[in-house]
Amino acid sequence: MPACTTVKIDPEVRDRLKALRRYPRESYNDVIARLTRMAVDDEPLSAETIRTLEEGLADIKAGRTQRLEDVMAELDADDEPAVPH
């Protein structure tokens, strides 16, 4: 039998874990294991992607933005089908 540990949790947390069960008798251990697997990012952002995002945020803060309608008009998107047929 695997080692077990007792953990104290608030009733609110217990209820949230219960609500996350995939089926009524799924154990809290299985729910917690699934949640911890989901919490790990298998594809972390690269340094280049982070830099690009930071540049974009700086542009927004500096007011260097365009309205979607203006961009669409500039690209003549109205004449192009949204989804190729």
PDB file of N, CA and C in Angstrom:
ATOM      1  N   MET A   1       0.848  -1.185   0.000  1.00  0.00           N
ATOM      2  CA  MET A   1       0.000   0.000   0.000  1.00  0.00           C
ATOM      3  C   MET A   1       0.892   1.247   0.000  1.00  0.00           C
ATOM      4  N   PRO A   2       0.607   2.219  -0.862  1.00  0.00           N
ATOM      5  CA  PRO A   2       1.422   3.426  -0.906  1.00  0.00           C
ATOM      6  C   PRO A   2       1.267   4.231   0.386  1.00  0.00           C
ATOM      7  N   ALA A   3       2.298   5.017   0.686  1.00  0.00           N
ATOM      8  CA  ALA A   3       2.254   5.873   1.869  1.00  0.00           C
ATOM      9  C   ALA A   3       1.148   6.903   1.713  1.00  0.00           C
ATOM     10  N   CYS A   4       0.503   7.234   2.822  1.00  0.00           N
ATOM     11  CA  CYS A   4      -0.580   8.222   2.813  1.00  0.00           C
ATOM     12  C   CYS A   4      -0.228   9.354   3.759  1.00  0.00           C
ATOM     13  N   THR A   5      -0.723  10.516   3.451  1.00  0.00           N
ATOM     14  CA  THR A   5      -0.541  11.690   4.288  1.00  0.00           C
ATOM     15  C   THR A   5      -1.897  12.315   4.525  1.00  0.00           C
ATOM     16  N   THR A   6      -2.143  12.729   5.732  1.00  0.00           N
ATOM     17  CA  THR A   6      -3.384  13.420   6.051  1.00  0.00           C
ATOM     18  C   THR A   6      -3.157  14.912   5.852  1.00  0.00           C
ATOM     19  N   VAL A   7      -4.086  15.559   5.196  1.00  0.00           N
ATOM     20  CA  VAL A   7      -3.982  16.987   4.925  1.00  0.00           C
ATOM     21  C   VAL A   7      -5.266  17.648   5.390  1.00  0.00           C
ATOM     22  N   LYS A   8      -5.129  18.744   6.113  1.00  0.00           N
ATOM     23  CA  LYS A   8      -6.308  19.502   6.535  1.00  0.00           C
ATOM     24  C   LYS A   8      -6.633  20.525   5.447  1.00  0.00           C
ATOM     25  N   ILE A   9      -7.895  20.561   5.055  1.00  0.00           N
ATOM     26  CA  ILE A   9      -8.341  21.561   4.086  1.00  0.00           C
ATOM     27  C   ILE A   9      -9.631  22.183   4.597  1.00  0.00           C
ATOM     28  N   ASP A  10      -9.867  23.391   4.187  1.00  0.00           N
ATOM     29  CA  ASP A  10     -11.114  24.073   4.559  1.00  0.00           C
ATOM     30  C   ASP A  10     -12.291  23.397   3.871  1.00  0.00           C
ATOM     31  N   PRO A  11     -13.459  23.449   4.488  1.00  0.00           N
ATOM     32  CA  PRO A  11     -14.645  22.861   3.854  1.00  0.00           C
ATOM     33  C   PRO A  11     -14.914  23.440   2.457  1.00  0.00           C
ATOM     34  N   GLU A  12     -14.622  24.716   2.275  1.00  0.00           N
ATOM     35  CA  GLU A  12     -14.840  25.341   0.963  1.00  0.00           C
ATOM     36  C   GLU A  12     -13.938  24.703  -0.098  1.00  0.00           C
ATOM     37  N   VAL A  13     -12.676  24.445   0.259  1.00  0.00           N
ATOM     38  CA  VAL A  13     -11.741  23.805  -0.665  1.00  0.00           C
ATOM     39  C   VAL A  13     -12.204  22.378  -0.956  1.00  0.00           C
ATOM     40  N   ARG A  14     -12.619  21.665   0.091  1.00  0.00           N
ATOM     41  CA  ARG A  14     -13.131  20.305  -0.092  1.00  0.00           C
ATOM     42  C   ARG A  14     -14.315  20.301  -1.065  1.00  0.00           C
ATOM     43  N   ASP A  15     -15.215  21.260  -0.901  1.00  0.00           N
ATOM     44  CA  ASP A  15     -16.380  21.331  -1.793  1.00  0.00           C
ATOM     45  C   ASP A  15     -15.968  21.630  -3.226  1.00  0.00           C
ATOM     46  N   ARG A  16     -14.940  22.474  -3.398  1.00  0.00           N
ATOM     47  CA  ARG A  16     -14.473  22.763  -4.756  1.00  0.00           C
ATOM     48  C   ARG A  16     -13.818  21.536  -5.370  1.00  0.00           C
ATOM     49  N   LEU A  17     -13.054  20.792  -4.568  1.00  0.00           N
ATOM     50  CA  LEU A  17     -12.473  19.546  -5.067  1.00  0.00           C
ATOM     51  C   LEU A  17     -13.566  18.561  -5.453  1.00  0.00           C
ATOM     52  N   LYS A  18     -14.584  18.479  -4.624  1.00  0.00           N
ATOM     53  CA  LYS A  18     -15.700  17.567  -4.904  1.00  0.00           C
ATOM     54  C   LYS A  18     -16.378  17.941  -6.227  1.00  0.00           C
ATOM     55  N   ALA A  19     -16.521  19.238  -6.471  1.00  0.00           N
ATOM     56  CA  ALA A  19     -17.157  19.709  -7.707  1.00  0.00           C
ATOM     57  C   ALA A  19     -16.291  19.418  -8.932  1.00  0.00           C
ATOM     58  N   LEU A  20     -14.990  19.244  -8.736  1.00  0.00           N
ATOM     59  CA  LEU A  20     -14.077  18.982  -9.851  1.00  0.00           C
ATOM     60  C   LEU A  20     -13.949  17.501 -10.181  1.00  0.00           C
ATOM     61  N   ARG A  21     -14.639  16.662  -9.437  1.00  0.00           N
ATOM     62  CA  ARG A  21     -14.580  15.227  -9.732  1.00  0.00           C
ATOM     63  C   ARG A  21     -15.152  14.945 -11.115  1.00  0.00           C
ATOM     64  N   ARG A  22     -14.525  14.025 -11.816  1.00  0.00           N
ATOM     65  CA  ARG A  22     -15.021  13.618 -13.137  1.00  0.00           C
ATOM     66  C   ARG A  22     -16.153  12.617 -13.002  1.00  0.00           C
ATOM     67  N   TYR A  23     -16.168  11.872 -11.922  1.00  0.00           N
ATOM     68  CA  TYR A  23     -17.250  10.929 -11.634  1.00  0.00           C
ATOM     69  C   TYR A  23     -17.433  10.926 -10.113  1.00  0.00           C
ATOM     70  N   PRO A  24     -18.609  10.579  -9.628  1.00  0.00           N
ATOM     71  CA  PRO A  24     -18.940  10.751  -8.202  1.00  0.00           C
ATOM     72  C   PRO A  24     -17.973  10.115  -7.219  1.00  0.00           C
ATOM     73  N   ARG A  25     -17.390   8.986  -7.541  1.00  0.00           N
ATOM     74  CA  ARG A  25     -16.528   8.307  -6.577  1.00  0.00           C
ATOM     75  C   ARG A  25     -15.038   8.544  -6.840  1.00  0.00           C
ATOM     76  N   GLU A  26     -14.712   9.484  -7.708  1.00  0.00           N
ATOM     77  CA  GLU A  26     -13.293   9.797  -7.942  1.00  0.00           C
ATOM     78  C   GLU A  26     -12.690  10.313  -6.637  1.00  0.00           C
ATOM     79  N   SER A  27     -11.513   9.820  -6.289  1.00  0.00           N
ATOM     80  CA  SER A  27     -10.889  10.210  -5.019  1.00  0.00           C
ATOM     81  C   SER A  27     -10.335  11.632  -5.108  1.00  0.00           C
ATOM     82  N   TYR A  28     -10.218  12.253  -3.930  1.00  0.00           N
ATOM     83  CA  TYR A  28      -9.603  13.572  -3.893  1.00  0.00           C
ATOM     84  C   TYR A  28      -8.156  13.487  -4.364  1.00  0.00           C
ATOM     85  N   ASN A  29      -7.486  12.378  -4.082  1.00  0.00           N
ATOM     86  CA  ASN A  29      -6.115  12.188  -4.544  1.00  0.00           C
ATOM     87  C   ASN A  29      -6.048  12.269  -6.072  1.00  0.00           C
ATOM     88  N   ASP A  30      -6.980  11.602  -6.745  1.00  0.00           N
ATOM     89  CA  ASP A  30      -6.996  11.635  -8.213  1.00  0.00           C
ATOM     90  C   ASP A  30      -7.290  13.037  -8.734  1.00  0.00           C
ATOM     91  N   VAL A  31      -8.201  13.745  -8.068  1.00  0.00           N
ATOM     92  CA  VAL A  31      -8.525  15.113  -8.485  1.00  0.00           C
ATOM     93  C   VAL A  31      -7.293  16.007  -8.312  1.00  0.00           C
ATOM     94  N   ILE A  32      -6.639  15.909  -7.173  1.00  0.00           N
ATOM     95  CA  ILE A  32      -5.462  16.739  -6.903  1.00  0.00           C
ATOM     96  C   ILE A  32      -4.326  16.387  -7.863  1.00  0.00           C
ATOM     97  N   ALA A  33      -4.130  15.099  -8.125  1.00  0.00           N
ATOM     98  CA  ALA A  33      -3.082  14.687  -9.072  1.00  0.00           C
ATOM     99  C   ALA A  33      -3.344  15.289 -10.446  1.00  0.00           C
ATOM    100  N   ARG A  34      -4.587  15.248 -10.905  1.00  0.00           N
ATOM    101  CA  ARG A  34      -4.941  15.811 -12.214  1.00  0.00           C
ATOM    102  C   ARG A  34      -4.680  17.320 -12.226  1.00  0.00           C
ATOM    103  N   LEU A  35      -5.084  18.011 -11.159  1.00  0.00           N
ATOM    104  CA  LEU A  35      -4.894  19.460 -11.095  1.00  0.00           C
ATOM    105  C   LEU A  35      -3.415  19.835 -11.083  1.00  0.00           C
ATOM    106  N   THR A  36      -2.592  19.055 -10.376  1.00  0.00           N
ATOM    107  CA  THR A  36      -1.162  19.378 -10.342  1.00  0.00           C
ATOM    108  C   THR A  36      -0.505  19.120 -11.689  1.00  0.00           C
ATOM    109  N   ARG A  37      -0.975  18.119 -12.429  1.00  0.00           N
ATOM    110  CA  ARG A  37      -0.443  17.894 -13.786  1.00  0.00           C
ATOM    111  C   ARG A  37      -0.822  19.052 -14.698  1.00  0.00           C
ATOM    112  N   MET A  38      -2.038  19.570 -14.534  1.00  0.00           N
ATOM    113  CA  MET A  38      -2.502  20.677 -15.370  1.00  0.00           C
ATOM    114  C   MET A  38      -1.746  21.970 -15.055  1.00  0.00           C
ATOM    115  N   ALA A  39      -1.246  22.099 -13.831  1.00  0.00           N
ATOM    116  CA  ALA A  39      -0.592  23.333 -13.400  1.00  0.00           C
ATOM    117  C   ALA A  39       0.797  23.502 -13.995  1.00  0.00           C
ATOM    118  N   VAL A  40       1.394  22.428 -14.502  1.00  0.00           N
ATOM    119  CA  VAL A  40       2.737  22.489 -15.071  1.00  0.00           C
ATOM    120  C   VAL A  40       2.629  22.795 -16.556  1.00  0.00           C
ATOM    121  N   ASP A  41       3.298  23.841 -16.984  1.00  0.00           N
ATOM    122  CA  ASP A  41       3.263  24.257 -18.382  1.00  0.00           C
ATOM    123  C   ASP A  41       4.276  23.438 -19.177  1.00  0.00           C
ATOM    124  N   ASP A  42       3.778  22.598 -20.091  1.00  0.00           N
ATOM    125  CA  ASP A  42       4.648  21.763 -20.908  1.00  0.00           C
ATOM    126  C   ASP A  42       5.410  22.560 -21.970  1.00  0.00           C
ATOM    127  N   GLU A  43       4.886  23.727 -22.300  1.00  0.00           N
ATOM    128  CA  GLU A  43       5.505  24.551 -23.334  1.00  0.00           C
ATOM    129  C   GLU A  43       5.679  25.974 -22.808  1.00  0.00           C
ATOM    130  N   PRO A  44       6.665  26.199 -21.945  1.00  0.00           N
ATOM    131  CA  PRO A  44       6.857  27.553 -21.413  1.00  0.00           C
ATOM    132  C   PRO A  44       7.213  28.525 -22.536  1.00  0.00           C
ATOM    133  N   LEU A  45       6.906  29.787 -22.305  1.00  0.00           N
ATOM    134  CA  LEU A  45       7.187  30.814 -23.302  1.00  0.00           C
ATOM    135  C   LEU A  45       8.690  31.002 -23.459  1.00  0.00           C
ATOM    136  N   SER A  46       9.103  31.181 -24.690  1.00  0.00           N
ATOM    137  CA  SER A  46      10.519  31.432 -24.956  1.00  0.00           C
ATOM    138  C   SER A  46      10.853  32.871 -24.575  1.00  0.00           C
ATOM    139  N   ALA A  47      12.136  33.147 -24.426  1.00  0.00           N
ATOM    140  CA  ALA A  47      12.587  34.501 -24.114  1.00  0.00           C
ATOM    141  C   ALA A  47      12.146  35.472 -25.206  1.00  0.00           C
ATOM    142  N   GLU A  48      12.188  35.031 -26.457  1.00  0.00           N
ATOM    143  CA  GLU A  48      11.764  35.875 -27.589  1.00  0.00           C
ATOM    144  C   GLU A  48      10.281  36.202 -27.493  1.00  0.00           C
ATOM    145  N   THR A  49       9.459  35.216 -27.161  1.00  0.00           N
ATOM    146  CA  THR A  49       8.018  35.447 -27.035  1.00  0.00           C
ATOM    147  C   THR A  49       7.729  36.409 -25.894  1.00  0.00           C
ATOM    148  N   ILE A  50       8.397  36.244 -24.781  1.00  0.00           N
ATOM    149  CA  ILE A  50       8.217  37.147 -23.639  1.00  0.00           C
ATOM    150  C   ILE A  50       8.611  38.565 -24.020  1.00  0.00           C
ATOM    151  N   ARG A  51       9.724  38.705 -24.744  1.00  0.00           N
ATOM    152  CA  ARG A  51      10.161  40.035 -25.182  1.00  0.00           C
ATOM    153  C   ARG A  51       9.123  40.678 -26.097  1.00  0.00           C
ATOM    154  N   THR A  52       8.572  39.890 -27.028  1.00  0.00           N
ATOM    155  CA  THR A  52       7.556  40.401 -27.948  1.00  0.00           C
ATOM    156  C   THR A  52       6.302  40.829 -27.194  1.00  0.00           C
ATOM    157  N   LEU A  53       5.886  40.035 -26.217  1.00  0.00           N
ATOM    158  CA  LEU A  53       4.711  40.399 -25.412  1.00  0.00           C
ATOM    159  C   LEU A  53       4.959  41.682 -24.628  1.00  0.00           C
ATOM    160  N   GLU A  54       6.146  41.816 -24.062  1.00  0.00           N
ATOM    161  CA  GLU A  54       6.488  43.033 -23.321  1.00  0.00           C
ATOM    162  C   GLU A  54       6.484  44.252 -24.234  1.00  0.00           C
ATOM    163  N   GLU A  55       6.973  44.101 -25.457  1.00  0.00           N
ATOM    164  CA  GLU A  55       6.934  45.210 -26.423  1.00  0.00           C
ATOM    165  C   GLU A  55       5.490  45.584 -26.740  1.00  0.00           C
ATOM    166  N   GLY A  56       4.639  44.581 -26.920  1.00  0.00           N
ATOM    167  CA  GLY A  56       3.237  44.847 -27.202  1.00  0.00           C
ATOM    168  C   GLY A  56       2.552  45.577 -26.058  1.00  0.00           C
ATOM    169  N   LEU A  57       2.839  45.164 -24.823  1.00  0.00           N
ATOM    170  CA  LEU A  57       2.264  45.852 -23.668  1.00  0.00           C
ATOM    171  C   LEU A  57       2.758  47.293 -23.588  1.00  0.00           C
ATOM    172  N   ALA A  58       4.027  47.509 -23.897  1.00  0.00           N
ATOM    173  CA  ALA A  58       4.567  48.869 -23.901  1.00  0.00           C
ATOM    174  C   ALA A  58       3.864  49.717 -24.956  1.00  0.00           C
ATOM    175  N   ASP A  59       3.596  49.136 -26.131  1.00  0.00           N
ATOM    176  CA  ASP A  59       2.865  49.861 -27.178  1.00  0.00           C
ATOM    177  C   ASP A  59       1.473  50.246 -26.697  1.00  0.00           C
ATOM    178  N   ILE A  60       0.790  49.327 -26.048  1.00  0.00           N
ATOM    179  CA  ILE A  60      -0.558  49.618 -25.549  1.00  0.00           C
ATOM    180  C   ILE A  60      -0.510  50.733 -24.524  1.00  0.00           C
ATOM    181  N   LYS A  61       0.424  50.642 -23.568  1.00  0.00           N
ATOM    182  CA  LYS A  61       0.540  51.670 -22.530  1.00  0.00           C
ATOM    183  C   LYS A  61       0.871  53.033 -23.125  1.00  0.00           C
ATOM    184  N   ALA A  62       1.629  53.045 -24.229  1.00  0.00           N
ATOM    185  CA  ALA A  62       2.022  54.301 -24.871  1.00  0.00           C
ATOM    186  C   ALA A  62       0.951  54.805 -25.833  1.00  0.00           C
ATOM    187  N   GLY A  63      -0.128  54.039 -25.989  1.00  0.00           N
ATOM    188  CA  GLY A  63      -1.205  54.472 -26.878  1.00  0.00           C
ATOM    189  C   GLY A  63      -0.949  54.178 -28.341  1.00  0.00           C
ATOM    190  N   ARG A  64       0.028  53.355 -28.652  1.00  0.00           N
ATOM    191  CA  ARG A  64       0.324  53.008 -30.046  1.00  0.00           C
ATOM    192  C   ARG A  64      -0.551  51.814 -30.450  1.00  0.00           C
ATOM    193  N   THR A  65      -1.817  52.102 -30.670  1.00  0.00           N
ATOM    194  CA  THR A  65      -2.782  51.062 -31.042  1.00  0.00           C
ATOM    195  C   THR A  65      -3.605  51.535 -32.228  1.00  0.00           C
ATOM    196  N   GLN A  66      -4.312  50.598 -32.849  1.00  0.00           N
ATOM    197  CA  GLN A  66      -5.218  50.918 -33.949  1.00  0.00           C
ATOM    198  C   GLN A  66      -6.546  50.210 -33.696  1.00  0.00           C
ATOM    199  N   ARG A  67      -7.609  50.825 -34.152  1.00  0.00           N
ATOM    200  CA  ARG A  67      -8.923  50.199 -34.054  1.00  0.00           C
ATOM    201  C   ARG A  67      -8.988  49.034 -35.033  1.00  0.00           C
ATOM    202  N   LEU A  68      -9.682  47.976 -34.643  1.00  0.00           N
ATOM    203  CA  LEU A  68      -9.818  46.798 -35.490  1.00  0.00           C
ATOM    204  C   LEU A  68     -10.427  47.173 -36.839  1.00  0.00           C
ATOM    205  N   GLU A  69     -11.424  48.033 -36.833  1.00  0.00           N
ATOM    206  CA  GLU A  69     -12.074  48.440 -38.077  1.00  0.00           C
ATOM    207  C   GLU A  69     -11.085  49.076 -39.038  1.00  0.00           C
ATOM    208  N   ASP A  70     -10.165  49.880 -38.499  1.00  0.00           N
ATOM    209  CA  ASP A  70      -9.158  50.530 -39.342  1.00  0.00           C
ATOM    210  C   ASP A  70      -8.187  49.512 -39.938  1.00  0.00           C
ATOM    211  N   VAL A  71      -7.780  48.559 -39.142  1.00  0.00           N
ATOM    212  CA  VAL A  71      -6.874  47.524 -39.637  1.00  0.00           C
ATOM    213  C   VAL A  71      -7.563  46.690 -40.710  1.00  0.00           C
ATOM    214  N   MET A  72      -8.823  46.320 -40.461  1.00  0.00           N
ATOM    215  CA  MET A  72      -9.571  45.523 -41.437  1.00  0.00           C
ATOM    216  C   MET A  72      -9.716  46.287 -42.752  1.00  0.00           C
ATOM    217  N   ALA A  73      -9.999  47.567 -42.670  1.00  0.00           N
ATOM    218  CA  ALA A  73     -10.142  48.373 -43.879  1.00  0.00           C
ATOM    219  C   ALA A  73      -8.808  48.467 -44.612  1.00  0.00           C
ATOM    220  N   GLU A  74      -7.744  48.616 -43.866  1.00  0.00           N
ATOM    221  CA  GLU A  74      -6.416  48.709 -44.466  1.00  0.00           C
ATOM    222  C   GLU A  74      -6.045  47.415 -45.188  1.00  0.00           C
ATOM    223  N   LEU A  75      -6.459  46.311 -44.662  1.00  0.00           N
ATOM    224  CA  LEU A  75      -6.152  45.020 -45.272  1.00  0.00           C
ATOM    225  C   LEU A  75      -7.178  44.595 -46.315  1.00  0.00           C
ATOM    226  N   ASP A  76      -8.209  45.403 -46.513  1.00  0.00           N
ATOM    227  CA  ASP A  76      -9.303  45.060 -47.423  1.00  0.00           C
ATOM    228  C   ASP A  76      -9.913  43.714 -47.058  1.00  0.00           C
ATOM    229  N   ALA A  77     -10.021  43.464 -45.778  1.00  0.00           N
ATOM    230  CA  ALA A  77     -10.535  42.175 -45.300  1.00  0.00           C
ATOM    231  C   ALA A  77     -11.995  41.984 -45.658  1.00  0.00           C
ATOM    232  N   ASP A  78     -12.707  43.062 -45.888  1.00  0.00           N
ATOM    233  CA  ASP A  78     -14.133  42.932 -46.225  1.00  0.00           C
ATOM    234  C   ASP A  78     -14.338  42.234 -47.566  1.00  0.00           C
ATOM    235  N   ASP A  79     -13.347  42.326 -48.472  1.00  0.00           N
ATOM    236  CA  ASP A  79     -13.468  41.718 -49.781  1.00  0.00           C
ATOM    237  C   ASP A  79     -13.059  40.251 -49.781  1.00  0.00           C
ATOM    238  N   GLU A  80     -12.390  39.824 -48.738  1.00  0.00           N
ATOM    239  CA  GLU A  80     -11.893  38.446 -48.652  1.00  0.00           C
ATOM    240  C   GLU A  80     -12.844  37.592 -47.828  1.00  0.00           C
ATOM    241  N   PRO A  81     -13.050  36.359 -48.213  1.00  0.00           N
ATOM    242  CA  PRO A  81     -13.863  35.477 -47.368  1.00  0.00           C
ATOM    243  C   PRO A  81     -13.136  35.198 -46.059  1.00  0.00           C
ATOM    244  N   ALA A  82     -13.898  35.135 -44.972  1.00  0.00           N
ATOM    245  CA  ALA A  82     -13.310  34.922 -43.663  1.00  0.00           C
ATOM    246  C   ALA A  82     -12.721  33.518 -43.562  1.00  0.00           C
ATOM    247  N   VAL A  83     -13.396  32.544 -44.183  1.00  0.00           N
ATOM    248  CA  VAL A  83     -12.941  31.172 -44.137  1.00  0.00           C
ATOM    249  C   VAL A  83     -12.865  30.666 -45.571  1.00  0.00           C
ATOM    250  N   PRO A  84     -11.714  30.118 -45.996  1.00  0.00           N
ATOM    251  CA  PRO A  84     -11.630  29.594 -47.363  1.00  0.00           C
ATOM    252  C   PRO A  84     -12.648  28.467 -47.577  1.00  0.00           C
ATOM    253  N   HIS A  85     -13.224  28.444 -48.758  1.00  0.00           N
ATOM    254  CA  HIS A  85     -14.233  27.417 -49.063  1.00  0.00           C
ATOM    255  C   HIS A  85     -13.610  26.288 -49.841  1.00  0.00           C
TER     256      HIS A  85
END
